[in-house]
Amino acid sequence: MRVVNSLREARRAAGLTQEELSRRCGVSRQTIIAVERGVHVPTLTLALQLAEVLDRPITSLFMLERVASR
């Protein structure tokens, strides 16, 4: 399984830039970029902060995706 997210869409819907979201969560803009691109899975603490700032349930931002096994 892997974690996928809808962070970019939720951030845009909230009218926030990556810089604004990073500032509200106390992380770097690069961290937000990495999470949005799916190259970084946030800690539970950061995921909860993102959900709070975006006023969304955490499960609407982060989901598990099954990866076919060989």
N, C-alpha and C. Protein backbone atom coordinates (compact mmCIF):
# COMPACT_ATOMS: atom_id res chain seq x y z
N MET A 1 0.84 -1.18 0.00
CA MET A 1 0.00 0.00 0.00
C MET A 1 0.88 1.24 0.00
N ARG A 2 0.28 2.31 -0.50
CA ARG A 2 0.98 3.59 -0.46
C ARG A 2 -0.02 4.68 -0.11
N VAL A 3 0.48 5.78 0.41
CA VAL A 3 -0.35 6.90 0.79
C VAL A 3 -0.47 7.85 -0.40
N VAL A 4 -1.69 8.19 -0.76
CA VAL A 4 -1.95 9.21 -1.77
C VAL A 4 -2.69 10.36 -1.09
N ASN A 5 -2.67 11.52 -1.73
CA ASN A 5 -3.32 12.66 -1.07
C ASN A 5 -4.00 13.59 -2.07
N SER A 6 -4.89 14.40 -1.54
CA SER A 6 -5.57 15.44 -2.32
C SER A 6 -5.25 16.81 -1.73
N LEU A 7 -4.05 16.94 -1.21
CA LEU A 7 -3.65 18.17 -0.52
C LEU A 7 -3.67 19.37 -1.45
N ARG A 8 -3.12 19.24 -2.64
CA ARG A 8 -3.06 20.38 -3.58
C ARG A 8 -4.47 20.90 -3.87
N GLU A 9 -5.39 20.00 -4.16
CA GLU A 9 -6.75 20.41 -4.47
C GLU A 9 -7.41 21.10 -3.27
N ALA A 10 -7.22 20.54 -2.09
CA ALA A 10 -7.82 21.11 -0.88
C ALA A 10 -7.21 22.48 -0.57
N ARG A 11 -5.90 22.60 -0.76
CA ARG A 11 -5.23 23.88 -0.52
C ARG A 11 -5.76 24.95 -1.46
N ARG A 12 -5.85 24.59 -2.74
CA ARG A 12 -6.35 25.55 -3.73
C ARG A 12 -7.81 25.93 -3.44
N ALA A 13 -8.63 24.94 -3.06
CA ALA A 13 -10.03 25.21 -2.76
C ALA A 13 -10.16 26.17 -1.56
N ALA A 14 -9.18 26.10 -0.65
CA ALA A 14 -9.18 26.99 0.52
C ALA A 14 -8.59 28.36 0.18
N GLY A 15 -8.08 28.51 -1.04
CA GLY A 15 -7.52 29.79 -1.45
C GLY A 15 -6.17 30.11 -0.84
N LEU A 16 -5.42 29.06 -0.50
CA LEU A 16 -4.11 29.25 0.14
C LEU A 16 -2.98 28.94 -0.83
N THR A 17 -1.90 29.67 -0.71
CA THR A 17 -0.68 29.33 -1.44
C THR A 17 0.10 28.30 -0.64
N GLN A 18 1.07 27.69 -1.27
CA GLN A 18 1.93 26.75 -0.55
C GLN A 18 2.64 27.47 0.58
N GLU A 19 3.04 28.68 0.35
CA GLU A 19 3.74 29.46 1.38
C GLU A 19 2.83 29.73 2.57
N GLU A 20 1.59 30.12 2.32
CA GLU A 20 0.65 30.39 3.41
C GLU A 20 0.36 29.13 4.22
N LEU A 21 0.15 28.02 3.52
CA LEU A 21 -0.12 26.76 4.22
C LEU A 21 1.08 26.33 5.05
N SER A 22 2.27 26.46 4.48
CA SER A 22 3.47 26.06 5.22
C SER A 22 3.65 26.92 6.46
N ARG A 23 3.39 28.20 6.35
CA ARG A 23 3.53 29.10 7.49
C ARG A 23 2.53 28.73 8.60
N ARG A 24 1.31 28.43 8.23
CA ARG A 24 0.28 28.07 9.23
C ARG A 24 0.58 26.75 9.92
N CYS A 25 1.31 25.88 9.22
CA CYS A 25 1.63 24.56 9.80
C CYS A 25 3.02 24.51 10.41
N GLY A 26 3.81 25.57 10.23
CA GLY A 26 5.14 25.61 10.83
C GLY A 26 6.15 24.71 10.14
N VAL A 27 5.99 24.55 8.82
CA VAL A 27 6.95 23.75 8.04
C VAL A 27 7.41 24.58 6.86
N SER A 28 8.38 24.07 6.13
CA SER A 28 8.88 24.79 4.97
C SER A 28 7.95 24.61 3.77
N ARG A 29 8.03 25.53 2.84
CA ARG A 29 7.27 25.41 1.60
C ARG A 29 7.68 24.14 0.86
N GLN A 30 8.96 23.79 0.93
CA GLN A 30 9.46 22.58 0.28
C GLN A 30 8.77 21.33 0.83
N THR A 31 8.45 21.34 2.12
CA THR A 31 7.73 20.20 2.71
C THR A 31 6.34 20.08 2.10
N ILE A 32 5.64 21.20 1.95
CA ILE A 32 4.31 21.18 1.34
C ILE A 32 4.40 20.68 -0.09
N ILE A 33 5.39 21.16 -0.83
CA ILE A 33 5.58 20.72 -2.21
C ILE A 33 5.80 19.21 -2.26
N ALA A 34 6.66 18.70 -1.40
CA ALA A 34 6.97 17.27 -1.39
C ALA A 34 5.75 16.43 -1.03
N VAL A 35 4.95 16.90 -0.09
CA VAL A 35 3.73 16.16 0.28
C VAL A 35 2.75 16.18 -0.90
N GLU A 36 2.55 17.35 -1.49
CA GLU A 36 1.62 17.45 -2.62
C GLU A 36 2.03 16.55 -3.78
N ARG A 37 3.31 16.44 -4.02
CA ARG A 37 3.81 15.59 -5.11
C ARG A 37 3.81 14.10 -4.76
N GLY A 38 3.60 13.80 -3.50
CA GLY A 38 3.57 12.41 -3.08
C GLY A 38 4.93 11.79 -2.85
N VAL A 39 5.96 12.62 -2.75
CA VAL A 39 7.30 12.09 -2.50
C VAL A 39 7.65 12.08 -1.01
N HIS A 40 6.78 12.69 -0.21
CA HIS A 40 6.98 12.71 1.24
C HIS A 40 5.65 12.40 1.91
N VAL A 41 5.64 11.42 2.78
CA VAL A 41 4.45 11.12 3.59
C VAL A 41 4.61 11.88 4.90
N PRO A 42 3.66 12.76 5.21
CA PRO A 42 3.82 13.58 6.42
C PRO A 42 3.66 12.75 7.69
N THR A 43 4.23 13.27 8.75
CA THR A 43 4.00 12.66 10.06
C THR A 43 2.52 12.80 10.39
N LEU A 44 2.07 12.02 11.34
CA LEU A 44 0.68 12.13 11.77
C LEU A 44 0.39 13.53 12.30
N THR A 45 1.33 14.10 13.01
CA THR A 45 1.16 15.45 13.55
C THR A 45 0.95 16.46 12.43
N LEU A 46 1.77 16.41 11.40
CA LEU A 46 1.63 17.33 10.28
C LEU A 46 0.33 17.07 9.53
N ALA A 47 -0.02 15.82 9.32
CA ALA A 47 -1.27 15.49 8.62
C ALA A 47 -2.47 16.06 9.38
N LEU A 48 -2.45 15.95 10.70
CA LEU A 48 -3.53 16.51 11.51
C LEU A 48 -3.55 18.04 11.45
N GLN A 49 -2.39 18.66 11.44
CA GLN A 49 -2.32 20.12 11.32
C GLN A 49 -2.88 20.56 9.97
N LEU A 50 -2.51 19.86 8.91
CA LEU A 50 -3.00 20.20 7.57
C LEU A 50 -4.52 20.09 7.53
N ALA A 51 -5.05 19.02 8.09
CA ALA A 51 -6.50 18.82 8.12
C ALA A 51 -7.19 19.95 8.90
N GLU A 52 -6.59 20.34 10.00
CA GLU A 52 -7.16 21.41 10.82
C GLU A 52 -7.15 22.75 10.08
N VAL A 53 -6.01 23.09 9.50
CA VAL A 53 -5.88 24.36 8.79
C VAL A 53 -6.84 24.41 7.59
N LEU A 54 -6.97 23.29 6.89
CA LEU A 54 -7.82 23.24 5.70
C LEU A 54 -9.28 22.94 6.04
N ASP A 55 -9.56 22.70 7.33
CA ASP A 55 -10.91 22.41 7.81
C ASP A 55 -11.53 21.24 7.04
N ARG A 56 -10.73 20.18 6.94
CA ARG A 56 -11.16 18.96 6.24
C ARG A 56 -10.86 17.76 7.14
N PRO A 57 -11.66 16.69 6.99
CA PRO A 57 -11.30 15.46 7.71
C PRO A 57 -9.98 14.91 7.15
N ILE A 58 -9.16 14.39 8.01
CA ILE A 58 -7.87 13.87 7.58
C ILE A 58 -8.04 12.79 6.50
N THR A 59 -9.12 12.02 6.58
CA THR A 59 -9.35 10.96 5.60
C THR A 59 -9.76 11.49 4.23
N SER A 60 -10.11 12.76 4.15
CA SER A 60 -10.39 13.35 2.84
C SER A 60 -9.11 13.88 2.20
N LEU A 61 -8.06 14.04 3.01
CA LEU A 61 -6.77 14.51 2.49
C LEU A 61 -5.81 13.38 2.17
N PHE A 62 -5.82 12.34 3.00
CA PHE A 62 -4.86 11.24 2.86
C PHE A 62 -5.59 9.90 2.81
N MET A 63 -5.24 9.09 1.82
CA MET A 63 -5.87 7.79 1.63
C MET A 63 -4.82 6.73 1.35
N LEU A 64 -5.15 5.49 1.63
CA LEU A 64 -4.28 4.36 1.28
C LEU A 64 -4.71 3.85 -0.09
N GLU A 65 -3.73 3.62 -0.92
CA GLU A 65 -3.99 3.05 -2.24
C GLU A 65 -3.29 1.72 -2.32
N ARG A 66 -4.03 0.72 -2.71
CA ARG A 66 -3.43 -0.62 -2.84
C ARG A 66 -2.58 -0.66 -4.10
N VAL A 67 -1.41 -1.21 -3.96
CA VAL A 67 -0.51 -1.39 -5.09
C VAL A 67 -0.50 -2.87 -5.41
N ALA A 68 -0.74 -3.20 -6.66
CA ALA A 68 -0.77 -4.60 -7.07
C ALA A 68 0.56 -5.27 -6.78
N SER A 69 0.51 -6.44 -6.15
CA SER A 69 1.75 -7.16 -5.85
C SER A 69 2.02 -8.15 -6.98
N ARG A 70 3.27 -8.49 -7.11
CA ARG A 70 3.66 -9.41 -8.19
C ARG A 70 3.66 -10.82 -7.74
